[in-house]
Amino acid sequence: MDRLACGRDPEFARMVGDELVALTVEEVDRWYDWLLARTLGWVIEVDGHAVGDARLDHFNLQDRRARYAIGIFDSELWGKGIGTEVTRLVLGYAFDELELHRVEEYNRRAIASYGKCGFVREGIERESAFINREWHSDVIMGILEAEYRAMSKD
């Protein structure tokens, strides 16, 4: 129950729109079930402990695009490059295996990590999320297959 042990960090809760109340076993079980139901969802493990998740969803097969999401709920691991490493692995899978043309993301906290992985800031979705009774805007970032390929050559 690594997810339960990490609890609900206030900053993580704010990013995902959670309430700042104690995390329950039932919520953790629902989270694991929800993630397992994703077509392409992974638990992020560090030293044998679940510390977050990553996923590709909102697929548009005609346009060969998907949305990427990542969350590291163990705040002690933030800023240590784990998100960047996981993002690079998922992008490799998205472009090399799934042959996608575009992957997009909306996580403001991870902007620096996404920039290291080749994402480009494309715009702002104003007041797109209502979190803790306040409106927040999302930064829209995306990476195209050609940009990924150019970075992969380096």
N, C-alpha and C. Protein backbone atom coordinates (compact mmCIF):
# COMPACT_ATOMS: atom_id res chain seq x y z
N MET A 1 0.82 -1.20 0.00
CA MET A 1 0.00 0.00 0.00
C MET A 1 0.86 1.27 0.00
N ASP A 2 1.80 1.30 -0.94
CA ASP A 2 2.68 2.46 -1.05
C ASP A 2 1.90 3.75 -1.25
N ARG A 3 0.85 3.70 -2.05
CA ARG A 3 0.04 4.89 -2.32
C ARG A 3 -0.57 5.42 -1.03
N LEU A 4 -1.06 4.55 -0.21
CA LEU A 4 -1.66 4.95 1.06
C LEU A 4 -0.61 5.56 1.98
N ALA A 5 0.59 4.98 2.02
CA ALA A 5 1.66 5.47 2.89
C ALA A 5 2.09 6.89 2.52
N CYS A 6 2.02 7.23 1.24
CA CYS A 6 2.40 8.58 0.80
C CYS A 6 1.36 9.62 1.20
N GLY A 7 0.14 9.17 1.41
CA GLY A 7 -0.91 10.09 1.80
C GLY A 7 -1.28 11.04 0.68
N ARG A 8 -1.77 12.20 1.05
CA ARG A 8 -2.25 13.18 0.08
C ARG A 8 -1.48 14.49 0.31
N ASP A 9 -0.39 14.65 -0.40
CA ASP A 9 0.41 15.86 -0.31
C ASP A 9 -0.45 17.04 -0.79
N PRO A 10 -0.43 18.17 -0.07
CA PRO A 10 -1.27 19.30 -0.46
C PRO A 10 -1.00 19.79 -1.89
N GLU A 11 0.25 19.86 -2.31
CA GLU A 11 0.57 20.32 -3.66
C GLU A 11 0.08 19.33 -4.71
N PHE A 12 0.26 18.02 -4.46
CA PHE A 12 -0.22 17.00 -5.38
C PHE A 12 -1.75 17.06 -5.47
N ALA A 13 -2.41 17.19 -4.32
CA ALA A 13 -3.87 17.27 -4.29
C ALA A 13 -4.35 18.48 -5.09
N ARG A 14 -3.66 19.61 -4.96
CA ARG A 14 -4.05 20.80 -5.70
C ARG A 14 -3.92 20.57 -7.20
N MET A 15 -2.83 19.91 -7.62
CA MET A 15 -2.59 19.68 -9.05
C MET A 15 -3.66 18.80 -9.67
N VAL A 16 -4.14 17.80 -8.93
CA VAL A 16 -5.09 16.86 -9.51
C VAL A 16 -6.53 17.12 -9.08
N GLY A 17 -6.73 18.17 -8.27
CA GLY A 17 -8.08 18.55 -7.89
C GLY A 17 -8.68 17.71 -6.78
N ASP A 18 -7.84 17.08 -5.97
CA ASP A 18 -8.33 16.28 -4.85
C ASP A 18 -8.65 17.17 -3.65
N GLU A 19 -9.50 16.65 -2.80
CA GLU A 19 -9.78 17.29 -1.52
C GLU A 19 -8.60 17.05 -0.58
N LEU A 20 -8.38 17.95 0.36
CA LEU A 20 -7.30 17.78 1.33
C LEU A 20 -7.80 17.04 2.55
N VAL A 21 -8.21 15.80 2.34
CA VAL A 21 -8.65 14.93 3.44
C VAL A 21 -7.79 13.68 3.40
N ALA A 22 -7.83 12.93 4.49
CA ALA A 22 -7.01 11.72 4.58
C ALA A 22 -7.38 10.73 3.47
N LEU A 23 -6.38 10.11 2.89
CA LEU A 23 -6.56 9.10 1.86
C LEU A 23 -7.02 7.80 2.52
N THR A 24 -7.97 7.12 1.91
CA THR A 24 -8.49 5.88 2.49
C THR A 24 -8.06 4.67 1.68
N VAL A 25 -8.14 3.50 2.29
CA VAL A 25 -7.82 2.25 1.60
C VAL A 25 -8.73 2.07 0.39
N GLU A 26 -10.01 2.42 0.54
CA GLU A 26 -10.95 2.28 -0.56
C GLU A 26 -10.55 3.16 -1.76
N GLU A 27 -10.10 4.39 -1.49
CA GLU A 27 -9.65 5.27 -2.57
C GLU A 27 -8.43 4.71 -3.27
N VAL A 28 -7.51 4.16 -2.51
CA VAL A 28 -6.30 3.57 -3.10
C VAL A 28 -6.67 2.37 -3.96
N ASP A 29 -7.57 1.53 -3.48
CA ASP A 29 -8.03 0.38 -4.27
C ASP A 29 -8.68 0.83 -5.56
N ARG A 30 -9.52 1.88 -5.50
CA ARG A 30 -10.15 2.42 -6.71
C ARG A 30 -9.10 2.99 -7.68
N TRP A 31 -8.06 3.63 -7.14
CA TRP A 31 -7.01 4.18 -7.99
C TRP A 31 -6.28 3.06 -8.73
N TYR A 32 -5.90 1.99 -8.00
CA TYR A 32 -5.22 0.87 -8.66
C TYR A 32 -6.13 0.23 -9.72
N ASP A 33 -7.41 0.02 -9.39
CA ASP A 33 -8.35 -0.55 -10.37
C ASP A 33 -8.50 0.36 -11.58
N TRP A 34 -8.61 1.67 -11.33
CA TRP A 34 -8.73 2.63 -12.42
C TRP A 34 -7.51 2.59 -13.33
N LEU A 35 -6.32 2.56 -12.73
CA LEU A 35 -5.10 2.53 -13.53
C LEU A 35 -4.99 1.23 -14.31
N LEU A 36 -5.32 0.11 -13.70
CA LEU A 36 -5.27 -1.17 -14.41
C LEU A 36 -6.25 -1.22 -15.57
N ALA A 37 -7.33 -0.48 -15.49
CA ALA A 37 -8.33 -0.46 -16.56
C ALA A 37 -7.88 0.39 -17.76
N ARG A 38 -6.85 1.20 -17.59
CA ARG A 38 -6.34 2.03 -18.68
C ARG A 38 -5.69 1.13 -19.71
N THR A 39 -5.86 1.44 -20.97
CA THR A 39 -5.22 0.68 -22.03
C THR A 39 -3.71 0.78 -21.90
N LEU A 40 -3.22 1.98 -21.69
CA LEU A 40 -1.79 2.21 -21.54
C LEU A 40 -1.53 3.03 -20.29
N GLY A 41 -1.51 2.36 -19.15
CA GLY A 41 -1.23 3.00 -17.88
C GLY A 41 -0.20 2.19 -17.12
N TRP A 42 0.73 2.89 -16.48
CA TRP A 42 1.81 2.21 -15.77
C TRP A 42 1.95 2.78 -14.37
N VAL A 43 2.30 1.92 -13.42
CA VAL A 43 2.67 2.36 -12.09
C VAL A 43 4.16 2.66 -12.12
N ILE A 44 4.55 3.79 -11.58
CA ILE A 44 5.97 4.14 -11.50
C ILE A 44 6.51 3.57 -10.19
N GLU A 45 7.55 2.77 -10.31
CA GLU A 45 8.17 2.17 -9.13
C GLU A 45 9.59 2.67 -8.97
N VAL A 46 9.97 2.95 -7.73
CA VAL A 46 11.33 3.30 -7.38
C VAL A 46 11.72 2.43 -6.20
N ASP A 47 12.80 1.70 -6.34
CA ASP A 47 13.28 0.80 -5.28
C ASP A 47 12.18 -0.13 -4.78
N GLY A 48 11.37 -0.63 -5.71
CA GLY A 48 10.33 -1.58 -5.37
C GLY A 48 9.07 -0.99 -4.77
N HIS A 49 8.97 0.34 -4.75
CA HIS A 49 7.80 1.00 -4.17
C HIS A 49 7.06 1.80 -5.24
N ALA A 50 5.73 1.70 -5.24
CA ALA A 50 4.91 2.49 -6.15
C ALA A 50 4.95 3.94 -5.68
N VAL A 51 5.36 4.84 -6.60
CA VAL A 51 5.50 6.25 -6.23
C VAL A 51 4.68 7.17 -7.14
N GLY A 52 4.03 6.60 -8.17
CA GLY A 52 3.25 7.43 -9.07
C GLY A 52 2.70 6.61 -10.22
N ASP A 53 2.16 7.31 -11.21
CA ASP A 53 1.65 6.63 -12.40
C ASP A 53 1.87 7.50 -13.62
N ALA A 54 1.86 6.85 -14.78
CA ALA A 54 1.96 7.52 -16.07
C ALA A 54 1.00 6.82 -17.02
N ARG A 55 0.47 7.59 -17.99
CA ARG A 55 -0.47 6.96 -18.92
C ARG A 55 -0.59 7.76 -20.20
N LEU A 56 -0.98 7.06 -21.22
CA LEU A 56 -1.38 7.65 -22.50
C LEU A 56 -2.86 7.37 -22.65
N ASP A 57 -3.65 8.38 -22.95
CA ASP A 57 -5.08 8.18 -23.17
C ASP A 57 -5.60 9.25 -24.12
N HIS A 58 -6.91 9.34 -24.26
CA HIS A 58 -7.54 10.28 -25.20
C HIS A 58 -6.96 10.10 -26.61
N PHE A 59 -6.91 8.85 -27.04
CA PHE A 59 -6.34 8.54 -28.35
C PHE A 59 -7.23 9.03 -29.48
N ASN A 60 -6.61 9.54 -30.52
CA ASN A 60 -7.26 9.84 -31.78
C ASN A 60 -6.43 9.09 -32.82
N LEU A 61 -6.89 7.91 -33.20
CA LEU A 61 -6.10 7.05 -34.08
C LEU A 61 -5.97 7.62 -35.49
N GLN A 62 -7.00 8.30 -35.98
CA GLN A 62 -6.92 8.88 -37.31
C GLN A 62 -5.80 9.93 -37.38
N ASP A 63 -5.70 10.76 -36.36
CA ASP A 63 -4.69 11.81 -36.33
C ASP A 63 -3.40 11.35 -35.65
N ARG A 64 -3.38 10.12 -35.18
CA ARG A 64 -2.20 9.52 -34.52
C ARG A 64 -1.70 10.40 -33.37
N ARG A 65 -2.62 10.68 -32.43
CA ARG A 65 -2.27 11.52 -31.30
C ARG A 65 -2.85 10.95 -30.01
N ALA A 66 -2.25 11.35 -28.89
CA ALA A 66 -2.74 10.94 -27.58
C ALA A 66 -2.32 11.99 -26.56
N ARG A 67 -2.95 11.94 -25.41
CA ARG A 67 -2.60 12.82 -24.30
C ARG A 67 -1.79 12.02 -23.29
N TYR A 68 -0.77 12.66 -22.75
CA TYR A 68 0.11 12.04 -21.76
C TYR A 68 -0.17 12.64 -20.40
N ALA A 69 -0.15 11.81 -19.37
CA ALA A 69 -0.31 12.29 -18.00
C ALA A 69 0.64 11.51 -17.09
N ILE A 70 1.17 12.21 -16.12
CA ILE A 70 2.06 11.59 -15.15
C ILE A 70 1.80 12.24 -13.80
N GLY A 71 1.92 11.44 -12.77
CA GLY A 71 1.79 11.97 -11.41
C GLY A 71 2.70 11.19 -10.48
N ILE A 72 3.55 11.90 -9.77
CA ILE A 72 4.38 11.27 -8.74
C ILE A 72 3.82 11.75 -7.42
N PHE A 73 3.21 10.82 -6.68
CA PHE A 73 2.52 11.21 -5.45
C PHE A 73 3.44 11.21 -4.24
N ASP A 74 4.66 10.69 -4.36
CA ASP A 74 5.63 10.76 -3.27
C ASP A 74 6.43 12.05 -3.44
N SER A 75 6.06 13.08 -2.71
CA SER A 75 6.65 14.41 -2.89
C SER A 75 8.14 14.43 -2.56
N GLU A 76 8.64 13.48 -1.82
CA GLU A 76 10.08 13.42 -1.53
C GLU A 76 10.89 13.10 -2.78
N LEU A 77 10.24 12.60 -3.81
CA LEU A 77 10.94 12.26 -5.05
C LEU A 77 10.81 13.32 -6.14
N TRP A 78 10.10 14.40 -5.86
CA TRP A 78 9.95 15.47 -6.84
C TRP A 78 11.30 16.14 -7.07
N GLY A 79 11.57 16.53 -8.31
CA GLY A 79 12.79 17.24 -8.64
C GLY A 79 14.03 16.36 -8.74
N LYS A 80 13.85 15.06 -8.78
CA LYS A 80 14.99 14.14 -8.83
C LYS A 80 15.17 13.50 -10.21
N GLY A 81 14.41 13.95 -11.21
CA GLY A 81 14.58 13.45 -12.56
C GLY A 81 13.76 12.21 -12.90
N ILE A 82 12.98 11.72 -11.95
CA ILE A 82 12.18 10.51 -12.20
C ILE A 82 11.11 10.78 -13.25
N GLY A 83 10.43 11.91 -13.13
CA GLY A 83 9.40 12.26 -14.11
C GLY A 83 9.97 12.41 -15.51
N THR A 84 11.16 13.00 -15.61
CA THR A 84 11.80 13.16 -16.92
C THR A 84 12.15 11.80 -17.51
N GLU A 85 12.69 10.92 -16.70
CA GLU A 85 13.05 9.58 -17.18
C GLU A 85 11.82 8.81 -17.64
N VAL A 86 10.77 8.84 -16.84
CA VAL A 86 9.53 8.14 -17.20
C VAL A 86 8.95 8.74 -18.47
N THR A 87 8.95 10.07 -18.57
CA THR A 87 8.41 10.73 -19.76
C THR A 87 9.16 10.30 -21.00
N ARG A 88 10.47 10.24 -20.93
CA ARG A 88 11.27 9.80 -22.09
C ARG A 88 10.92 8.36 -22.49
N LEU A 89 10.74 7.50 -21.50
CA LEU A 89 10.38 6.11 -21.80
C LEU A 89 9.01 6.03 -22.48
N VAL A 90 8.04 6.77 -21.95
CA VAL A 90 6.70 6.75 -22.53
C VAL A 90 6.71 7.35 -23.93
N LEU A 91 7.46 8.42 -24.14
CA LEU A 91 7.54 9.00 -25.48
C LEU A 91 8.17 8.02 -26.47
N GLY A 92 9.19 7.29 -26.04
CA GLY A 92 9.78 6.27 -26.90
C GLY A 92 8.74 5.25 -27.31
N TYR A 93 7.95 4.82 -26.38
CA TYR A 93 6.90 3.85 -26.67
C TYR A 93 5.85 4.47 -27.61
N ALA A 94 5.46 5.71 -27.33
CA ALA A 94 4.42 6.38 -28.12
C ALA A 94 4.84 6.55 -29.57
N PHE A 95 6.07 6.98 -29.80
CA PHE A 95 6.51 7.26 -31.16
C PHE A 95 7.10 6.04 -31.87
N ASP A 96 7.84 5.21 -31.15
CA ASP A 96 8.49 4.06 -31.79
C ASP A 96 7.57 2.85 -31.94
N GLU A 97 6.76 2.57 -30.92
CA GLU A 97 5.90 1.38 -30.95
C GLU A 97 4.50 1.69 -31.48
N LEU A 98 3.90 2.75 -30.97
CA LEU A 98 2.53 3.09 -31.36
C LEU A 98 2.48 3.92 -32.64
N GLU A 99 3.63 4.45 -33.05
CA GLU A 99 3.75 5.27 -34.26
C GLU A 99 2.83 6.49 -34.22
N LEU A 100 2.75 7.13 -33.07
CA LEU A 100 1.97 8.35 -32.96
C LEU A 100 2.69 9.50 -33.64
N HIS A 101 1.93 10.52 -34.00
CA HIS A 101 2.49 11.73 -34.60
C HIS A 101 2.62 12.84 -33.57
N ARG A 102 1.73 12.83 -32.57
CA ARG A 102 1.69 13.93 -31.59
C ARG A 102 1.30 13.39 -30.22
N VAL A 103 1.97 13.91 -29.20
CA VAL A 103 1.61 13.65 -27.81
C VAL A 103 1.50 15.01 -27.15
N GLU A 104 0.42 15.20 -26.37
CA GLU A 104 0.21 16.49 -25.71
C GLU A 104 0.04 16.28 -24.22
N GLU A 105 0.24 17.36 -23.46
CA GLU A 105 0.21 17.28 -22.01
C GLU A 105 -0.24 18.60 -21.44
N TYR A 106 -0.80 18.57 -20.22
CA TYR A 106 -1.36 19.78 -19.61
C TYR A 106 -0.89 20.01 -18.17
N ASN A 107 0.14 19.36 -17.70
CA ASN A 107 0.55 19.43 -16.30
C ASN A 107 1.50 20.60 -16.06
N ARG A 108 1.03 21.66 -15.36
CA ARG A 108 1.86 22.84 -15.14
C ARG A 108 3.09 22.55 -14.31
N ARG A 109 3.00 21.68 -13.31
CA ARG A 109 4.12 21.44 -12.42
C ARG A 109 5.30 20.81 -13.15
N ALA A 110 5.05 20.10 -14.21
CA ALA A 110 6.09 19.35 -14.89
C ALA A 110 6.65 20.05 -16.12
N ILE A 111 6.41 21.34 -16.26
CA ILE A 111 6.83 22.06 -17.46
C ILE A 111 8.33 21.91 -17.72
N ALA A 112 9.17 22.05 -16.71
CA ALA A 112 10.62 21.94 -16.91
C ALA A 112 11.00 20.54 -17.38
N SER A 113 10.39 19.53 -16.78
CA SER A 113 10.67 18.15 -17.18
C SER A 113 10.24 17.92 -18.62
N TYR A 114 9.07 18.40 -19.00
CA TYR A 114 8.59 18.21 -20.37
C TYR A 114 9.48 18.93 -21.37
N GLY A 115 9.97 20.11 -21.00
CA GLY A 115 10.88 20.84 -21.88
C GLY A 115 12.15 20.04 -22.14
N LYS A 116 12.67 19.37 -21.12
CA LYS A 116 13.86 18.52 -21.29
C LYS A 116 13.58 17.36 -22.23
N CYS A 117 12.34 16.96 -22.32
CA CYS A 117 11.96 15.82 -23.17
C CYS A 117 11.51 16.26 -24.57
N GLY A 118 11.53 17.57 -24.84
CA GLY A 118 11.22 18.04 -26.18
C GLY A 118 9.84 18.65 -26.36
N PHE A 119 9.00 18.66 -25.32
CA PHE A 119 7.69 19.30 -25.44
C PHE A 119 7.86 20.80 -25.68
N VAL A 120 6.96 21.38 -26.43
CA VAL A 120 6.96 22.81 -26.74
C VAL A 120 5.70 23.43 -26.15
N ARG A 121 5.86 24.57 -25.52
CA ARG A 121 4.70 25.29 -24.98
C ARG A 121 3.89 25.84 -26.15
N GLU A 122 2.60 25.49 -26.17
CA GLU A 122 1.75 25.86 -27.31
C GLU A 122 0.69 26.90 -26.95
N GLY A 123 0.37 27.01 -25.69
CA GLY A 123 -0.65 27.99 -25.33
C GLY A 123 -1.15 27.79 -23.92
N ILE A 124 -2.15 28.57 -23.57
CA ILE A 124 -2.78 28.52 -22.25
C ILE A 124 -4.26 28.23 -22.44
N GLU A 125 -4.76 27.29 -21.69
CA GLU A 125 -6.20 27.04 -21.64
C GLU A 125 -6.69 27.75 -20.38
N ARG A 126 -7.24 28.93 -20.56
CA ARG A 126 -7.59 29.79 -19.43
C ARG A 126 -8.71 29.21 -18.58
N GLU A 127 -8.51 29.28 -17.26
CA GLU A 127 -9.50 28.86 -16.28
C GLU A 127 -10.18 27.55 -16.68
N SER A 128 -9.36 26.55 -16.94
CA SER A 128 -9.87 25.27 -17.42
C SER A 128 -10.08 24.24 -16.32
N ALA A 129 -9.60 24.52 -15.12
CA ALA A 129 -9.74 23.55 -14.03
C ALA A 129 -10.22 24.27 -12.77
N PHE A 130 -11.26 23.73 -12.14
CA PHE A 130 -11.81 24.30 -10.91
C PHE A 130 -11.31 23.44 -9.76
N ILE A 131 -10.31 23.93 -9.03
CA ILE A 131 -9.65 23.16 -7.98
C ILE A 131 -9.71 23.95 -6.68
N ASN A 132 -10.20 23.29 -5.63
CA ASN A 132 -10.33 23.93 -4.32
C ASN A 132 -11.03 25.28 -4.40
N ARG A 133 -12.12 25.30 -5.15
CA ARG A 133 -12.98 26.47 -5.28
C ARG A 133 -12.31 27.66 -5.97
N GLU A 134 -11.28 27.38 -6.78
CA GLU A 134 -10.61 28.43 -7.54
C GLU A 134 -10.40 27.95 -8.97
N TRP A 135 -10.45 28.89 -9.91
CA TRP A 135 -10.16 28.56 -11.30
C TRP A 135 -8.67 28.63 -11.54
N HIS A 136 -8.15 27.64 -12.28
CA HIS A 136 -6.74 27.59 -12.65
C HIS A 136 -6.64 27.38 -14.15
N SER A 137 -5.59 27.96 -14.74
CA SER A 137 -5.36 27.79 -16.17
C SER A 137 -4.33 26.69 -16.39
N ASP A 138 -4.44 26.00 -17.52
CA ASP A 138 -3.50 24.94 -17.88
C ASP A 138 -2.58 25.41 -18.99
N VAL A 139 -1.32 25.02 -18.90
CA VAL A 139 -0.36 25.25 -19.98
C VAL A 139 -0.45 24.06 -20.92
N ILE A 140 -0.66 24.34 -22.18
CA ILE A 140 -0.75 23.27 -23.18
C ILE A 140 0.62 23.09 -23.80
N MET A 141 1.12 21.84 -23.75
CA MET A 141 2.42 21.52 -24.32
C MET A 141 2.25 20.32 -25.23
N GLY A 142 3.07 20.25 -26.26
CA GLY A 142 2.99 19.12 -27.17
C GLY A 142 4.35 18.82 -27.77
N ILE A 143 4.51 17.60 -28.26
CA ILE A 143 5.72 17.20 -28.97
C ILE A 143 5.28 16.41 -30.20
N LEU A 144 5.91 16.70 -31.32
CA LEU A 144 5.62 16.01 -32.56
C LEU A 144 6.66 14.92 -32.81
N GLU A 145 6.27 13.96 -33.62
CA GLU A 145 7.16 12.85 -33.92
C GLU A 145 8.52 13.35 -34.44
N ALA A 146 8.54 14.31 -35.36
CA ALA A 146 9.80 14.82 -35.92
C ALA A 146 10.68 15.44 -34.83
N GLU A 147 10.07 16.14 -33.87
CA GLU A 147 10.82 16.73 -32.77
C GLU A 147 11.42 15.66 -31.88
N TYR A 148 10.64 14.62 -31.61
CA TYR A 148 11.13 13.49 -30.83
C TYR A 148 12.30 12.83 -31.54
N ARG A 149 12.15 12.57 -32.84
CA ARG A 149 13.22 11.91 -33.62
C ARG A 149 14.50 12.75 -33.62
N ALA A 150 14.36 14.08 -33.75
CA ALA A 150 15.53 14.96 -33.74
C ALA A 150 16.25 14.89 -32.40
N MET A 151 15.49 14.85 -31.30
CA MET A 151 16.10 14.75 -29.97
C MET A 151 16.74 13.39 -29.76
N SER A 152 16.15 12.35 -30.31
CA SER A 152 16.65 10.99 -30.12
C SER A 152 17.99 10.78 -30.80
N LYS A 153 18.29 11.58 -31.84
CA LYS A 153 19.57 11.46 -32.56
C LYS A 153 20.72 12.00 -31.72
N ASP A 154 20.42 12.94 -30.81
CA ASP A 154 21.49 13.57 -30.00
C ASP A 154 22.04 12.65 -28.95
